[in-house]
């Protein structure tokens, strides 16, 4: 993850199949999958800021 030109690294842990978190940073990631089970969208929440990333077709 890059923030203001700095690279932040953290180990991702799974709390469920489509929910990830870290112990190092206050961030939560949630995946949305398509019918074939591929991750199509990844939503993040960190410090009250919410971002969404969508897979390009």
PDB file of N, CA and C in Angstrom:
ATOM      1  N   UNK A   1       0.854  -1.162   0.000  1.00  0.00           N
ATOM      2  CA  UNK A   1       0.000   0.000   0.000  1.00  0.00           C
ATOM      3  C   UNK A   1       0.900   1.225   0.000  1.00  0.00           C
ATOM      4  N   UNK A   2       0.557   2.213  -0.787  1.00  0.00           N
ATOM      5  CA  UNK A   2       1.354   3.432  -0.871  1.00  0.00           C
ATOM      6  C   UNK A   2       0.537   4.608  -0.351  1.00  0.00           C
ATOM      7  N   UNK A   3       1.156   5.384   0.515  1.00  0.00           N
ATOM      8  CA  UNK A   3       0.492   6.541   1.101  1.00  0.00           C
ATOM      9  C   UNK A   3       1.484   7.698   1.119  1.00  0.00           C
ATOM     10  N   UNK A   4       1.175   8.766   0.410  1.00  0.00           N
ATOM     11  CA  UNK A   4       2.013   9.972   0.372  1.00  0.00           C
ATOM     12  C   UNK A   4       3.459   9.645  -0.003  1.00  0.00           C
ATOM     13  N   UNK A   5       3.627   8.733  -0.952  1.00  0.00           N
ATOM     14  CA  UNK A   5       4.960   8.378  -1.416  1.00  0.00           C
ATOM     15  C   UNK A   5       5.677   7.362  -0.553  1.00  0.00           C
ATOM     16  N   UNK A   6       5.076   6.964   0.545  1.00  0.00           N
ATOM     17  CA  UNK A   6       5.657   5.956   1.426  1.00  0.00           C
ATOM     18  C   UNK A   6       4.973   4.621   1.199  1.00  0.00           C
ATOM     19  N   UNK A   7       5.734   3.557   1.244  1.00  0.00           N
ATOM     20  CA  UNK A   7       5.164   2.220   1.085  1.00  0.00           C
ATOM     21  C   UNK A   7       4.918   1.640   2.468  1.00  0.00           C
ATOM     22  N   UNK A   8       3.674   1.249   2.714  1.00  0.00           N
ATOM     23  CA  UNK A   8       3.301   0.628   3.976  1.00  0.00           C
ATOM     24  C   UNK A   8       3.149  -0.868   3.731  1.00  0.00           C
ATOM     25  N   UNK A   9       3.781  -1.658   4.564  1.00  0.00           N
ATOM     26  CA  UNK A   9       3.687  -3.112   4.425  1.00  0.00           C
ATOM     27  C   UNK A   9       3.079  -3.678   5.698  1.00  0.00           C
ATOM     28  N   UNK A  10       2.201  -4.661   5.513  1.00  0.00           N
ATOM     29  CA  UNK A  10       1.573  -5.310   6.654  1.00  0.00           C
ATOM     30  C   UNK A  10       1.166  -6.719   6.250  1.00  0.00           C
ATOM     31  N   UNK A  11       1.169  -7.618   7.208  1.00  0.00           N
ATOM     32  CA  UNK A  11       0.710  -8.984   6.964  1.00  0.00           C
ATOM     33  C   UNK A  11      -0.812  -8.999   6.981  1.00  0.00           C
ATOM     34  N   UNK A  12      -1.408  -9.559   5.930  1.00  0.00           N
ATOM     35  CA  UNK A  12      -2.861  -9.667   5.870  1.00  0.00           C
ATOM     36  C   UNK A  12      -3.302 -10.970   6.512  1.00  0.00           C
ATOM     37  N   UNK A  13      -4.331 -10.883   7.335  1.00  0.00           N
ATOM     38  CA  UNK A  13      -4.911 -12.045   8.000  1.00  0.00           C
ATOM     39  C   UNK A  13      -6.379 -12.130   7.613  1.00  0.00           C
ATOM     40  N   UNK A  14      -6.913 -13.322   7.547  1.00  0.00           N
ATOM     41  CA  UNK A  14      -8.317 -13.511   7.174  1.00  0.00           C
ATOM     42  C   UNK A  14      -9.171 -13.689   8.421  1.00  0.00           C
ATOM     43  N   UNK A  15     -10.249 -12.918   8.492  1.00  0.00           N
ATOM     44  CA  UNK A  15     -11.229 -13.114   9.557  1.00  0.00           C
ATOM     45  C   UNK A  15     -12.405 -13.931   9.017  1.00  0.00           C
ATOM     46  N   UNK A  16     -12.515 -13.995   7.694  1.00  0.00           N
ATOM     47  CA  UNK A  16     -13.499 -14.809   6.978  1.00  0.00           C
ATOM     48  C   UNK A  16     -12.983 -14.922   5.542  1.00  0.00           C
ATOM     49  N   UNK A  17     -13.653 -15.690   4.704  1.00  0.00           N
ATOM     50  CA  UNK A  17     -13.178 -15.916   3.332  1.00  0.00           C
ATOM     51  C   UNK A  17     -12.944 -14.613   2.574  1.00  0.00           C
ATOM     52  N   UNK A  18     -13.800 -13.639   2.746  1.00  0.00           N
ATOM     53  CA  UNK A  18     -13.715 -12.387   1.990  1.00  0.00           C
ATOM     54  C   UNK A  18     -13.437 -11.166   2.861  1.00  0.00           C
ATOM     55  N   UNK A  19     -12.936 -11.375   4.062  1.00  0.00           N
ATOM     56  CA  UNK A  19     -12.604 -10.264   4.957  1.00  0.00           C
ATOM     57  C   UNK A  19     -11.172 -10.411   5.443  1.00  0.00           C
ATOM     58  N   UNK A  20     -10.393  -9.357   5.244  1.00  0.00           N
ATOM     59  CA  UNK A  20      -8.991  -9.355   5.648  1.00  0.00           C
ATOM     60  C   UNK A  20      -8.732  -8.182   6.587  1.00  0.00           C
ATOM     61  N   UNK A  21      -7.720  -8.334   7.446  1.00  0.00           N
ATOM     62  CA  UNK A  21      -7.333  -7.262   8.350  1.00  0.00           C
ATOM     63  C   UNK A  21      -5.846  -7.397   8.640  1.00  0.00           C
ATOM     64  N   UNK A  22      -5.284  -6.409   9.313  1.00  0.00           N
ATOM     65  CA  UNK A  22      -3.890  -6.467   9.750  1.00  0.00           C
ATOM     66  C   UNK A  22      -3.827  -6.125  11.223  1.00  0.00           C
ATOM     67  N   UNK A  23      -2.795  -6.597  11.859  1.00  0.00           N
ATOM     68  CA  UNK A  23      -2.545  -6.200  13.252  1.00  0.00           C
ATOM     69  C   UNK A  23      -1.700  -4.930  13.281  1.00  0.00           C
ATOM     70  N   UNK A  24      -0.986  -4.661  12.195  1.00  0.00           N
ATOM     71  CA  UNK A  24      -0.076  -3.517  12.150  1.00  0.00           C
ATOM     72  C   UNK A  24      -0.777  -2.188  11.864  1.00  0.00           C
ATOM     73  N   UNK A  25      -1.865  -2.215  11.112  1.00  0.00           N
ATOM     74  CA  UNK A  25      -2.565  -0.998  10.691  1.00  0.00           C
ATOM     75  C   UNK A  25      -4.053  -1.134  10.961  1.00  0.00           C
ATOM     76  N   UNK A  26      -4.755  -0.026  11.211  1.00  0.00           N
ATOM     77  CA  UNK A  26      -6.209  -0.095  11.422  1.00  0.00           C
ATOM     78  C   UNK A  26      -6.954  -0.133  10.079  1.00  0.00           C
ATOM     79  N   UNK A  27      -6.806  -1.237   9.356  1.00  0.00           N
ATOM     80  CA  UNK A  27      -7.413  -1.354   8.033  1.00  0.00           C
ATOM     81  C   UNK A  27      -8.207  -2.651   7.932  1.00  0.00           C
ATOM     82  N   UNK A  28      -9.325  -2.582   7.243  1.00  0.00           N
ATOM     83  CA  UNK A  28     -10.159  -3.746   6.971  1.00  0.00           C
ATOM     84  C   UNK A  28     -10.386  -3.794   5.471  1.00  0.00           C
ATOM     85  N   UNK A  29     -10.273  -4.982   4.872  1.00  0.00           N
ATOM     86  CA  UNK A  29     -10.505  -5.164   3.440  1.00  0.00           C
ATOM     87  C   UNK A  29     -11.619  -6.185   3.261  1.00  0.00           C
ATOM     88  N   UNK A  30     -12.547  -5.900   2.356  1.00  0.00           N
ATOM     89  CA  UNK A  30     -13.660  -6.808   2.074  1.00  0.00           C
ATOM     90  C   UNK A  30     -13.735  -7.039   0.571  1.00  0.00           C
ATOM     91  N   UNK A  31     -13.783  -8.306   0.174  1.00  0.00           N
ATOM     92  CA  UNK A  31     -13.835  -8.665  -1.244  1.00  0.00           C
ATOM     93  C   UNK A  31     -15.255  -9.007  -1.669  1.00  0.00           C
ATOM     94  N   UNK A  32     -15.572  -8.701  -2.931  1.00  0.00           N
ATOM     95  CA  UNK A  32     -16.826  -9.110  -3.563  1.00  0.00           C
ATOM     96  C   UNK A  32     -16.445  -9.986  -4.735  1.00  0.00           C
ATOM     97  N   UNK A  33     -17.045 -11.167  -4.815  1.00  0.00           N
ATOM     98  CA  UNK A  33     -16.691 -12.141  -5.848  1.00  0.00           C
ATOM     99  C   UNK A  33     -17.778 -12.260  -6.916  1.00  0.00           C
ATOM    100  N   UNK A  34     -17.358 -12.696  -8.109  1.00  0.00           N
ATOM    101  CA  UNK A  34     -18.323 -12.956  -9.174  1.00  0.00           C
ATOM    102  C   UNK A  34     -18.824 -14.396  -9.060  1.00  0.00           C
ATOM    103  N   UNK A  35     -19.671 -14.822  -9.994  1.00  0.00           N
ATOM    104  CA  UNK A  35     -20.274 -16.154  -9.955  1.00  0.00           C
ATOM    105  C   UNK A  35     -19.232 -17.272 -10.012  1.00  0.00           C
ATOM    106  N   UNK A  36     -18.067 -17.016 -10.608  1.00  0.00           N
ATOM    107  CA  UNK A  36     -17.005 -18.017 -10.697  1.00  0.00           C
ATOM    108  C   UNK A  36     -16.082 -17.990  -9.467  1.00  0.00           C
ATOM    109  N   UNK A  37     -16.325 -17.083  -8.530  1.00  0.00           N
ATOM    110  CA  UNK A  37     -15.534 -17.016  -7.315  1.00  0.00           C
ATOM    111  C   UNK A  37     -14.320 -16.113  -7.391  1.00  0.00           C
ATOM    112  N   UNK A  38     -14.158 -15.392  -8.498  1.00  0.00           N
ATOM    113  CA  UNK A  38     -13.017 -14.470  -8.637  1.00  0.00           C
ATOM    114  C   UNK A  38     -13.336 -13.151  -7.953  1.00  0.00           C
ATOM    115  N   UNK A  39     -12.343 -12.590  -7.303  1.00  0.00           N
ATOM    116  CA  UNK A  39     -12.530 -11.291  -6.656  1.00  0.00           C
ATOM    117  C   UNK A  39     -12.704 -10.231  -7.734  1.00  0.00           C
ATOM    118  N   UNK A  40     -13.806  -9.508  -7.680  1.00  0.00           N
ATOM    119  CA  UNK A  40     -14.107  -8.456  -8.652  1.00  0.00           C
ATOM    120  C   UNK A  40     -13.966  -7.062  -8.055  1.00  0.00           C
ATOM    121  N   UNK A  41     -14.168  -6.959  -6.749  1.00  0.00           N
ATOM    122  CA  UNK A  41     -14.129  -5.648  -6.099  1.00  0.00           C
ATOM    123  C   UNK A  41     -13.498  -5.828  -4.718  1.00  0.00           C
ATOM    124  N   UNK A  42     -12.677  -4.867  -4.340  1.00  0.00           N
ATOM    125  CA  UNK A  42     -12.053  -4.868  -3.026  1.00  0.00           C
ATOM    126  C   UNK A  42     -12.330  -3.527  -2.372  1.00  0.00           C
ATOM    127  N   UNK A  43     -12.980  -3.556  -1.228  1.00  0.00           N
ATOM    128  CA  UNK A  43     -13.299  -2.338  -0.493  1.00  0.00           C
ATOM    129  C   UNK A  43     -12.388  -2.250   0.724  1.00  0.00           C
ATOM    130  N   UNK A  44     -11.853  -1.069   0.992  1.00  0.00           N
ATOM    131  CA  UNK A  44     -10.985  -0.869   2.145  1.00  0.00           C
ATOM    132  C   UNK A  44     -11.547   0.216   3.038  1.00  0.00           C
ATOM    133  N   UNK A  45     -11.239   0.079   4.301  1.00  0.00           N
ATOM    134  CA  UNK A  45     -11.624   1.083   5.281  1.00  0.00           C
ATOM    135  C   UNK A  45     -10.437   1.273   6.218  1.00  0.00           C
ATOM    136  N   UNK A  46      -9.937   2.508   6.285  1.00  0.00           N
ATOM    137  CA  UNK A  46      -8.800   2.793   7.161  1.00  0.00           C
ATOM    138  C   UNK A  46      -8.944   4.205   7.713  1.00  0.00           C
ATOM    139  N   UNK A  47      -9.076   4.302   9.008  1.00  0.00           N
ATOM    140  CA  UNK A  47      -9.160   5.606   9.645  1.00  0.00           C
ATOM    141  C   UNK A  47     -10.331   6.446   9.171  1.00  0.00           C
ATOM    142  N   UNK A  48     -11.454   5.822   8.873  1.00  0.00           N
ATOM    143  CA  UNK A  48     -12.630   6.549   8.411  1.00  0.00           C
ATOM    144  C   UNK A  48     -12.641   6.849   6.926  1.00  0.00           C
ATOM    145  N   UNK A  49     -11.585   6.470   6.213  1.00  0.00           N
ATOM    146  CA  UNK A  49     -11.520   6.664   4.759  1.00  0.00           C
ATOM    147  C   UNK A  49     -11.868   5.351   4.088  1.00  0.00           C
ATOM    148  N   UNK A  50     -12.812   5.398   3.152  1.00  0.00           N
ATOM    149  CA  UNK A  50     -13.263   4.199   2.448  1.00  0.00           C
ATOM    150  C   UNK A  50     -12.877   4.304   0.973  1.00  0.00           C
ATOM    151  N   UNK A  51     -12.247   3.277   0.458  1.00  0.00           N
ATOM    152  CA  UNK A  51     -11.853   3.222  -0.949  1.00  0.00           C
ATOM    153  C   UNK A  51     -12.368   1.931  -1.554  1.00  0.00           C
ATOM    154  N   UNK A  52     -12.571   1.939  -2.859  1.00  0.00           N
ATOM    155  CA  UNK A  52     -13.029   0.747  -3.561  1.00  0.00           C
ATOM    156  C   UNK A  52     -12.224   0.562  -4.832  1.00  0.00           C
ATOM    157  N   UNK A  53     -11.763  -0.648  -5.038  1.00  0.00           N
ATOM    158  CA  UNK A  53     -10.994  -1.006  -6.226  1.00  0.00           C
ATOM    159  C   UNK A  53     -11.781  -2.055  -6.981  1.00  0.00           C
ATOM    160  N   UNK A  54     -11.932  -1.868  -8.294  1.00  0.00           N
ATOM    161  CA  UNK A  54     -12.682  -2.792  -9.141  1.00  0.00           C
ATOM    162  C   UNK A  54     -11.751  -3.387 -10.191  1.00  0.00           C
ATOM    163  N   UNK A  55     -11.858  -4.693 -10.397  1.00  0.00           N
ATOM    164  CA  UNK A  55     -11.056  -5.377 -11.409  1.00  0.00           C
ATOM    165  C   UNK A  55     -11.442  -4.874 -12.791  1.00  0.00           C
ATOM    166  N   UNK A  56     -10.452  -4.592 -13.614  1.00  0.00           N
ATOM    167  CA  UNK A  56     -10.732  -4.158 -14.984  1.00  0.00           C
ATOM    168  C   UNK A  56     -11.148  -5.361 -15.810  1.00  0.00           C
ATOM    169  N   UNK A  57     -12.106  -5.163 -16.721  1.00  0.00           N
ATOM    170  CA  UNK A  57     -12.580  -6.298 -17.557  1.00  0.00           C
ATOM    171  C   UNK A  57     -11.496  -6.793 -18.491  1.00  0.00           C
TER     172      UNK A  57
END
